[in-house]
PDB file of all heavy atoms in Angstrom:
ATOM      1  N   CYS A   1       7.575   0.270  85.392  1.00  0.00           N
ATOM      2  CA  CYS A   1       8.055   1.519  86.015  1.00  0.00           C
ATOM      3  C   CYS A   1       8.018   2.644  84.973  1.00  0.00           C
ATOM      4  O   CYS A   1       8.508   2.542  83.847  1.00  0.00           O
ATOM      5  CB  CYS A   1       9.452   1.441  86.579  1.00  0.00           C
ATOM      6  SG  CYS A   1      10.149   2.897  87.194  1.00  0.00           S
ATOM      7  N   GLU A   2       7.320   3.762  85.347  1.00  0.00           N
ATOM      8  CA  GLU A   2       7.192   4.841  84.398  1.00  0.00           C
ATOM      9  C   GLU A   2       8.407   5.715  84.257  1.00  0.00           C
ATOM     10  O   GLU A   2       8.564   6.529  83.308  1.00  0.00           O
ATOM     11  CB  GLU A   2       6.051   5.757  84.823  1.00  0.00           C
ATOM     12  CG  GLU A   2       4.685   5.100  84.822  1.00  0.00           C
ATOM     13  CD  GLU A   2       3.609   6.030  85.192  1.00  0.00           C
ATOM     14  OE1 GLU A   2       3.862   7.193  85.588  1.00  0.00           O
ATOM     15  OE2 GLU A   2       2.398   5.646  85.183  1.00  0.00           O
ATOM     16  N   LYS A   3       9.472   5.514  85.093  1.00  0.00           N
ATOM     17  CA  LYS A   3      10.664   6.367  85.108  1.00  0.00           C
ATOM     18  C   LYS A   3      11.808   5.728  84.255  1.00  0.00           C
ATOM     19  O   LYS A   3      12.888   6.355  84.260  1.00  0.00           O
ATOM     20  CB  LYS A   3      11.098   6.633  86.504  1.00  0.00           C
ATOM     21  CG  LYS A   3      10.115   7.487  87.334  1.00  0.00           C
ATOM     22  CD  LYS A   3      10.685   7.817  88.676  1.00  0.00           C
ATOM     23  CE  LYS A   3       9.745   8.783  89.411  1.00  0.00           C
ATOM     24  NZ  LYS A   3      10.236   9.130  90.772  1.00  0.00           N
ATOM     25  N   CYS A   4      11.579   4.512  83.715  1.00  0.00           N
ATOM     26  CA  CYS A   4      12.724   3.839  83.043  1.00  0.00           C
ATOM     27  C   CYS A   4      12.238   2.974  81.906  1.00  0.00           C
ATOM     28  O   CYS A   4      11.026   2.906  81.600  1.00  0.00           O
ATOM     29  CB  CYS A   4      13.530   3.062  84.009  1.00  0.00           C
ATOM     30  SG  CYS A   4      12.583   1.586  84.682  1.00  0.00           S
ATOM     31  N   VAL A   5      13.183   2.406  81.166  1.00  0.00           N
ATOM     32  CA  VAL A   5      12.891   1.456  80.111  1.00  0.00           C
ATOM     33  C   VAL A   5      13.485   0.097  80.518  1.00  0.00           C
ATOM     34  O   VAL A   5      14.670  -0.008  80.683  1.00  0.00           O
ATOM     35  CB  VAL A   5      13.459   1.964  78.768  1.00  0.00           C
ATOM     36  CG1 VAL A   5      13.219   0.905  77.672  1.00  0.00           C
ATOM     37  CG2 VAL A   5      12.931   3.302  78.397  1.00  0.00           C
ATOM     38  N   ASP A   6      12.589  -0.882  80.738  1.00  0.00           N
ATOM     39  CA  ASP A   6      13.029  -2.256  81.047  1.00  0.00           C
ATOM     40  C   ASP A   6      13.892  -2.302  82.291  1.00  0.00           C
ATOM     41  O   ASP A   6      14.724  -3.172  82.441  1.00  0.00           O
ATOM     42  CB  ASP A   6      13.831  -2.857  79.892  1.00  0.00           C
ATOM     43  CG  ASP A   6      13.020  -3.011  78.597  1.00  0.00           C
ATOM     44  OD1 ASP A   6      11.780  -3.027  78.713  1.00  0.00           O
ATOM     45  OD2 ASP A   6      13.560  -2.978  77.501  1.00  0.00           O
ATOM     46  N   GLY A   7      13.669  -1.376  83.240  1.00  0.00           N
ATOM     47  CA  GLY A   7      14.389  -1.376  84.513  1.00  0.00           C
ATOM     48  C   GLY A   7      15.726  -0.743  84.509  1.00  0.00           C
ATOM     49  O   GLY A   7      16.487  -0.793  85.486  1.00  0.00           O
ATOM     50  N   TYR A   8      16.107  -0.073  83.422  1.00  0.00           N
ATOM     51  CA  TYR A   8      17.346   0.626  83.323  1.00  0.00           C
ATOM     52  C   TYR A   8      17.187   2.108  82.976  1.00  0.00           C
ATOM     53  O   TYR A   8      16.247   2.445  82.286  1.00  0.00           O
ATOM     54  CB  TYR A   8      18.274  -0.014  82.268  1.00  0.00           C
ATOM     55  CG  TYR A   8      18.668  -1.400  82.501  1.00  0.00           C
ATOM     56  CD1 TYR A   8      17.937  -2.482  82.042  1.00  0.00           C
ATOM     57  CD2 TYR A   8      19.786  -1.709  83.327  1.00  0.00           C
ATOM     58  CE1 TYR A   8      18.325  -3.800  82.278  1.00  0.00           C
ATOM     59  CE2 TYR A   8      20.204  -3.037  83.590  1.00  0.00           C
ATOM     60  CZ  TYR A   8      19.443  -4.065  83.072  1.00  0.00           C
ATOM     61  OH  TYR A   8      19.796  -5.375  83.274  1.00  0.00           O
ATOM     62  N   LYS A   9      18.049   2.900  83.495  1.00  0.00           N
ATOM     63  CA  LYS A   9      17.978   4.300  83.196  1.00  0.00           C
ATOM     64  C   LYS A   9      19.393   4.919  83.169  1.00  0.00           C
ATOM     65  O   LYS A   9      20.004   4.974  84.212  1.00  0.00           O
ATOM     66  CB  LYS A   9      17.091   5.108  84.230  1.00  0.00           C
ATOM     67  CG  LYS A   9      16.877   6.575  83.863  1.00  0.00           C
ATOM     68  CD  LYS A   9      15.899   7.237  84.820  1.00  0.00           C
ATOM     69  CE  LYS A   9      15.594   8.601  84.389  1.00  0.00           C
ATOM     70  NZ  LYS A   9      14.677   9.274  85.326  1.00  0.00           N
ATOM     71  N   GLY A  10      19.830   5.304  81.978  1.00  0.00           N
ATOM     72  CA  GLY A  10      21.191   5.855  81.831  1.00  0.00           C
ATOM     73  C   GLY A  10      22.283   4.727  81.754  1.00  0.00           C
ATOM     74  O   GLY A  10      21.972   3.548  81.807  1.00  0.00           O
ATOM     75  N   ARG A  11      23.469   5.165  81.514  1.00  0.00           N
ATOM     76  CA  ARG A  11      24.623   4.213  81.437  1.00  0.00           C
ATOM     77  C   ARG A  11      25.829   4.749  82.217  1.00  0.00           C
ATOM     78  O   ARG A  11      25.953   5.932  82.494  1.00  0.00           O
ATOM     79  CB  ARG A  11      24.984   4.000  79.966  1.00  0.00           C
ATOM     80  CG  ARG A  11      23.978   3.242  79.179  1.00  0.00           C
ATOM     81  CD  ARG A  11      24.464   2.824  77.794  1.00  0.00           C
ATOM     82  NE  ARG A  11      24.484   3.979  76.865  1.00  0.00           N
ATOM     83  CZ  ARG A  11      24.963   3.877  75.629  1.00  0.00           C
ATOM     84  NH1 ARG A  11      25.386   2.757  75.144  1.00  0.00           N
ATOM     85  NH2 ARG A  11      25.003   4.959  74.864  1.00  0.00           N
ATOM     86  N   VAL A  12      26.638   3.833  82.612  1.00  0.00           N
ATOM     87  CA  VAL A  12      27.910   4.136  83.281  1.00  0.00           C
ATOM     88  C   VAL A  12      29.044   3.420  82.592  1.00  0.00           C
ATOM     89  O   VAL A  12      28.870   2.373  82.040  1.00  0.00           O
ATOM     90  CB  VAL A  12      27.866   3.762  84.835  1.00  0.00           C
ATOM     91  CG1 VAL A  12      27.816   2.228  84.977  1.00  0.00           C
ATOM     92  CG2 VAL A  12      29.030   4.332  85.577  1.00  0.00           C
ATOM     93  N   ALA A  13      30.224   4.048  82.579  1.00  0.00           N
ATOM     94  CA  ALA A  13      31.388   3.518  81.928  1.00  0.00           C
ATOM     95  C   ALA A  13      32.062   2.488  82.880  1.00  0.00           C
ATOM     96  O   ALA A  13      32.167   2.709  84.068  1.00  0.00           O
ATOM     97  CB  ALA A  13      32.344   4.553  81.475  1.00  0.00           C
ATOM     98  N   ILE A  14      32.603   1.397  82.270  1.00  0.00           N
ATOM     99  CA  ILE A  14      33.525   0.554  82.956  1.00  0.00           C
ATOM    100  C   ILE A  14      34.855   0.725  82.242  1.00  0.00           C
ATOM    101  O   ILE A  14      34.883   0.696  80.973  1.00  0.00           O
ATOM    102  CB  ILE A  14      33.136  -0.930  83.053  1.00  0.00           C
ATOM    103  CG1 ILE A  14      32.779  -1.454  81.686  1.00  0.00           C
ATOM    104  CG2 ILE A  14      31.882  -1.045  83.970  1.00  0.00           C
ATOM    105  CD1 ILE A  14      32.400  -2.939  81.708  1.00  0.00           C
ATOM    106  N   GLN A  15      35.940   0.899  82.997  1.00  0.00           N
ATOM    107  CA  GLN A  15      37.187   1.298  82.340  1.00  0.00           C
ATOM    108  C   GLN A  15      38.355   0.483  82.746  1.00  0.00           C
ATOM    109  O   GLN A  15      38.375  -0.158  83.828  1.00  0.00           O
ATOM    110  CB  GLN A  15      37.491   2.772  82.675  1.00  0.00           C
ATOM    111  CG  GLN A  15      36.464   3.761  82.141  1.00  0.00           C
ATOM    112  CD  GLN A  15      35.766   4.526  83.237  1.00  0.00           C
ATOM    113  OE1 GLN A  15      35.687   4.094  84.385  1.00  0.00           O
ATOM    114  NE2 GLN A  15      35.258   5.683  82.878  1.00  0.00           N
ATOM    115  N   GLU A  16      39.379   0.469  81.904  1.00  0.00           N
ATOM    116  CA  GLU A  16      40.679  -0.090  82.202  1.00  0.00           C
ATOM    117  C   GLU A  16      41.718   0.987  81.817  1.00  0.00           C
ATOM    118  O   GLU A  16      41.686   1.408  80.695  1.00  0.00           O
ATOM    119  CB  GLU A  16      40.874  -1.375  81.350  1.00  0.00           C
ATOM    120  CG  GLU A  16      42.324  -1.972  81.422  1.00  0.00           C
ATOM    121  CD  GLU A  16      42.447  -3.124  80.463  1.00  0.00           C
ATOM    122  OE1 GLU A  16      41.599  -3.316  79.563  1.00  0.00           O
ATOM    123  OE2 GLU A  16      43.491  -3.788  80.562  1.00  0.00           O
ATOM    124  N   VAL A  17      42.491   1.444  82.708  1.00  0.00           N
ATOM    125  CA  VAL A  17      43.444   2.500  82.486  1.00  0.00           C
ATOM    126  C   VAL A  17      44.832   1.909  82.642  1.00  0.00           C
ATOM    127  O   VAL A  17      45.215   1.501  83.700  1.00  0.00           O
ATOM    128  CB  VAL A  17      43.270   3.693  83.407  1.00  0.00           C
ATOM    129  CG1 VAL A  17      44.293   4.820  83.057  1.00  0.00           C
ATOM    130  CG2 VAL A  17      41.807   4.253  83.318  1.00  0.00           C
ATOM    131  N   VAL A  18      45.583   1.825  81.512  1.00  0.00           N
ATOM    132  CA  VAL A  18      46.956   1.265  81.511  1.00  0.00           C
ATOM    133  C   VAL A  18      47.896   2.396  81.318  1.00  0.00           C
ATOM    134  O   VAL A  18      47.832   3.094  80.310  1.00  0.00           O
ATOM    135  CB  VAL A  18      47.135   0.172  80.436  1.00  0.00           C
ATOM    136  CG1 VAL A  18      48.575  -0.133  80.297  1.00  0.00           C
ATOM    137  CG2 VAL A  18      46.315  -1.019  80.791  1.00  0.00           C
ATOM    138  N   GLU A  19      48.814   2.553  82.278  1.00  0.00           N
ATOM    139  CA  GLU A  19      49.899   3.521  82.161  1.00  0.00           C
ATOM    140  C   GLU A  19      51.186   2.860  81.697  1.00  0.00           C
ATOM    141  O   GLU A  19      51.578   1.786  82.201  1.00  0.00           O
ATOM    142  CB  GLU A  19      50.095   4.222  83.559  1.00  0.00           C
ATOM    143  CG  GLU A  19      51.031   5.418  83.484  1.00  0.00           C
ATOM    144  CD  GLU A  19      51.013   6.141  84.873  1.00  0.00           C
ATOM    145  OE1 GLU A  19      50.479   5.611  85.843  1.00  0.00           O
ATOM    146  OE2 GLU A  19      51.594   7.245  84.891  1.00  0.00           O
ATOM    147  N   ILE A  20      51.798   3.411  80.667  1.00  0.00           N
ATOM    148  CA  ILE A  20      53.038   2.809  80.107  1.00  0.00           C
ATOM    149  C   ILE A  20      54.236   3.120  81.024  1.00  0.00           C
ATOM    150  O   ILE A  20      54.684   4.241  81.095  1.00  0.00           O
ATOM    151  CB  ILE A  20      53.300   3.277  78.703  1.00  0.00           C
ATOM    152  CG1 ILE A  20      52.057   3.084  77.843  1.00  0.00           C
ATOM    153  CG2 ILE A  20      54.530   2.520  78.113  1.00  0.00           C
ATOM    154  CD1 ILE A  20      51.560   1.691  77.739  1.00  0.00           C
ATOM    155  N   THR A  21      54.642   2.140  81.801  1.00  0.00           N
ATOM    156  CA  THR A  21      55.769   2.313  82.705  1.00  0.00           C
ATOM    157  C   THR A  21      57.080   2.039  81.914  1.00  0.00           C
ATOM    158  O   THR A  21      57.030   1.508  80.788  1.00  0.00           O
ATOM    159  CB  THR A  21      55.672   1.291  83.845  1.00  0.00           C
ATOM    160  OG1 THR A  21      55.745  -0.096  83.311  1.00  0.00           O
ATOM    161  CG2 THR A  21      54.358   1.429  84.600  1.00  0.00           C
ATOM    162  N   PRO A  22      58.235   2.408  82.472  1.00  0.00           N
ATOM    163  CA  PRO A  22      59.468   2.104  81.769  1.00  0.00           C
ATOM    164  C   PRO A  22      59.624   0.577  81.489  1.00  0.00           C
ATOM    165  O   PRO A  22      60.200   0.254  80.409  1.00  0.00           O
ATOM    166  CB  PRO A  22      60.595   2.574  82.773  1.00  0.00           C
ATOM    167  CG  PRO A  22      59.901   3.674  83.568  1.00  0.00           C
ATOM    168  CD  PRO A  22      58.473   3.220  83.671  1.00  0.00           C
ATOM    169  N   GLN A  23      59.196  -0.274  82.361  1.00  0.00           N
ATOM    170  CA  GLN A  23      59.310  -1.711  82.098  1.00  0.00           C
ATOM    171  C   GLN A  23      58.422  -2.148  80.899  1.00  0.00           C
ATOM    172  O   GLN A  23      58.830  -2.932  80.035  1.00  0.00           O
ATOM    173  CB  GLN A  23      58.876  -2.501  83.353  1.00  0.00           C
ATOM    174  CG  GLN A  23      58.901  -4.007  83.201  1.00  0.00           C
ATOM    175  CD  GLN A  23      60.274  -4.593  82.897  1.00  0.00           C
ATOM    176  OE1 GLN A  23      61.271  -4.074  83.351  1.00  0.00           O
ATOM    177  NE2 GLN A  23      60.331  -5.683  82.099  1.00  0.00           N
ATOM    178  N   LEU A  24      57.197  -1.577  80.876  1.00  0.00           N
ATOM    179  CA  LEU A  24      56.239  -1.924  79.790  1.00  0.00           C
ATOM    180  C   LEU A  24      56.752  -1.364  78.505  1.00  0.00           C
ATOM    181  O   LEU A  24      56.634  -1.992  77.468  1.00  0.00           O
ATOM    182  CB  LEU A  24      54.872  -1.454  80.131  1.00  0.00           C
ATOM    183  CG  LEU A  24      53.746  -1.819  79.148  1.00  0.00           C
ATOM    184  CD1 LEU A  24      53.695  -3.342  78.993  1.00  0.00           C
ATOM    185  CD2 LEU A  24      52.371  -1.345  79.719  1.00  0.00           C
ATOM    186  N   GLU A  25      57.312  -0.163  78.525  1.00  0.00           N
ATOM    187  CA  GLU A  25      57.909   0.454  77.335  1.00  0.00           C
ATOM    188  C   GLU A  25      59.023  -0.461  76.746  1.00  0.00           C
ATOM    189  O   GLU A  25      59.120  -0.674  75.553  1.00  0.00           O
ATOM    190  CB  GLU A  25      58.540   1.828  77.716  1.00  0.00           C
ATOM    191  CG  GLU A  25      59.242   2.519  76.563  1.00  0.00           C
ATOM    192  CD  GLU A  25      59.844   3.831  76.934  1.00  0.00           C
ATOM    193  OE1 GLU A  25      59.429   4.440  77.948  1.00  0.00           O
ATOM    194  OE2 GLU A  25      60.741   4.290  76.178  1.00  0.00           O
ATOM    195  N   GLU A  26      59.859  -1.078  77.652  1.00  0.00           N
ATOM    196  CA  GLU A  26      60.896  -1.917  77.210  1.00  0.00           C
ATOM    197  C   GLU A  26      60.307  -3.158  76.633  1.00  0.00           C
ATOM    198  O   GLU A  26      60.791  -3.671  75.555  1.00  0.00           O
ATOM    199  CB  GLU A  26      61.772  -2.256  78.397  1.00  0.00           C
ATOM    200  CG  GLU A  26      63.035  -3.096  78.040  1.00  0.00           C
ATOM    201  CD  GLU A  26      63.920  -3.321  79.244  1.00  0.00           C
ATOM    202  OE1 GLU A  26      63.894  -2.520  80.202  1.00  0.00           O
ATOM    203  OE2 GLU A  26      64.577  -4.395  79.243  1.00  0.00           O
ATOM    204  N   MET A  27      59.256  -3.694  77.169  1.00  0.00           N
ATOM    205  CA  MET A  27      58.583  -4.917  76.667  1.00  0.00           C
ATOM    206  C   MET A  27      58.060  -4.662  75.264  1.00  0.00           C
ATOM    207  O   MET A  27      58.132  -5.520  74.351  1.00  0.00           O
ATOM    208  CB  MET A  27      57.481  -5.339  77.594  1.00  0.00           C
ATOM    209  CG  MET A  27      57.936  -5.863  78.934  1.00  0.00           C
ATOM    210  SD  MET A  27      56.558  -6.255  80.028  1.00  0.00           S
ATOM    211  CE  MET A  27      55.825  -7.716  79.169  1.00  0.00           C
ATOM    212  N   ILE A  28      57.416  -3.472  75.063  1.00  0.00           N
ATOM    213  CA  ILE A  28      56.870  -3.134  73.743  1.00  0.00           C
ATOM    214  C   ILE A  28      58.001  -3.029  72.708  1.00  0.00           C
ATOM    215  O   ILE A  28      57.857  -3.555  71.617  1.00  0.00           O
ATOM    216  CB  ILE A  28      56.058  -1.808  73.782  1.00  0.00           C
ATOM    217  CG1 ILE A  28      54.855  -1.965  74.806  1.00  0.00           C
ATOM    218  CG2 ILE A  28      55.582  -1.352  72.438  1.00  0.00           C
ATOM    219  CD1 ILE A  28      54.216  -0.656  75.128  1.00  0.00           C
ATOM    220  N   ALA A  29      59.077  -2.381  73.080  1.00  0.00           N
ATOM    221  CA  ALA A  29      60.189  -2.175  72.183  1.00  0.00           C
ATOM    222  C   ALA A  29      60.777  -3.525  71.769  1.00  0.00           C
ATOM    223  O   ALA A  29      61.243  -3.748  70.655  1.00  0.00           O
ATOM    224  CB  ALA A  29      61.225  -1.295  72.788  1.00  0.00           C
ATOM    225  N   GLU A  30      60.745  -4.484  72.684  1.00  0.00           N
ATOM    226  CA  GLU A  30      61.391  -5.809  72.433  1.00  0.00           C
ATOM    227  C   GLU A  30      60.390  -6.745  71.769  1.00  0.00           C
ATOM    228  O   GLU A  30      60.741  -7.930  71.512  1.00  0.00           O
ATOM    229  CB  GLU A  30      61.873  -6.411  73.707  1.00  0.00           C
ATOM    230  CG  GLU A  30      63.046  -5.626  74.292  1.00  0.00           C
ATOM    231  CD  GLU A  30      63.494  -6.231  75.708  1.00  0.00           C
ATOM    232  OE1 GLU A  30      62.762  -7.059  76.164  1.00  0.00           O
ATOM    233  OE2 GLU A  30      64.547  -5.733  76.189  1.00  0.00           O
TER     234      GLU A  30
END
Protein backbone atom coordinates (compact mmCIF):
# COMPACT_ATOMS: atom_id res chain seq x y z
CA CYS A 1 0.00 0.00 0.00
CA GLU A 2 1.46 3.36 -1.03
CA LYS A 3 -0.34 5.24 1.76
CA CYS A 4 1.25 3.47 4.74
CA VAL A 5 4.23 1.58 6.13
CA ASP A 6 3.67 -2.13 6.79
CA GLY A 7 -0.09 -1.66 7.00
CA TYR A 8 -0.02 1.01 9.72
CA LYS A 9 -0.42 4.77 9.57
CA GLY A 10 -0.24 6.94 12.68
CA ARG A 11 -0.64 5.97 16.32
CA VAL A 12 -3.35 6.17 18.96
CA ALA A 13 -2.97 6.28 22.73
CA ILE A 14 -4.29 3.64 25.07
CA GLN A 15 -4.80 5.04 28.54
CA GLU A 16 -5.52 4.26 32.15
CA VAL A 17 -6.83 7.20 34.19
CA VAL A 18 -6.81 6.71 37.97
CA GLU A 19 -8.49 9.33 40.15
CA ILE A 20 -7.38 9.40 43.78
CA THR A 21 -10.54 8.96 45.81
CA PRO A 22 -10.71 9.51 49.62
CA GLN A 23 -10.58 5.72 50.11
CA LEU A 24 -7.52 5.36 47.86
CA GLU A 25 -5.88 8.33 49.62
CA GLU A 26 -6.35 6.52 52.94
CA MET A 27 -4.87 3.32 51.49
CA ILE A 28 -1.79 5.19 50.25
CA ALA A 29 -1.32 6.89 53.63
CA GLU A 30 -1.53 3.52 55.38
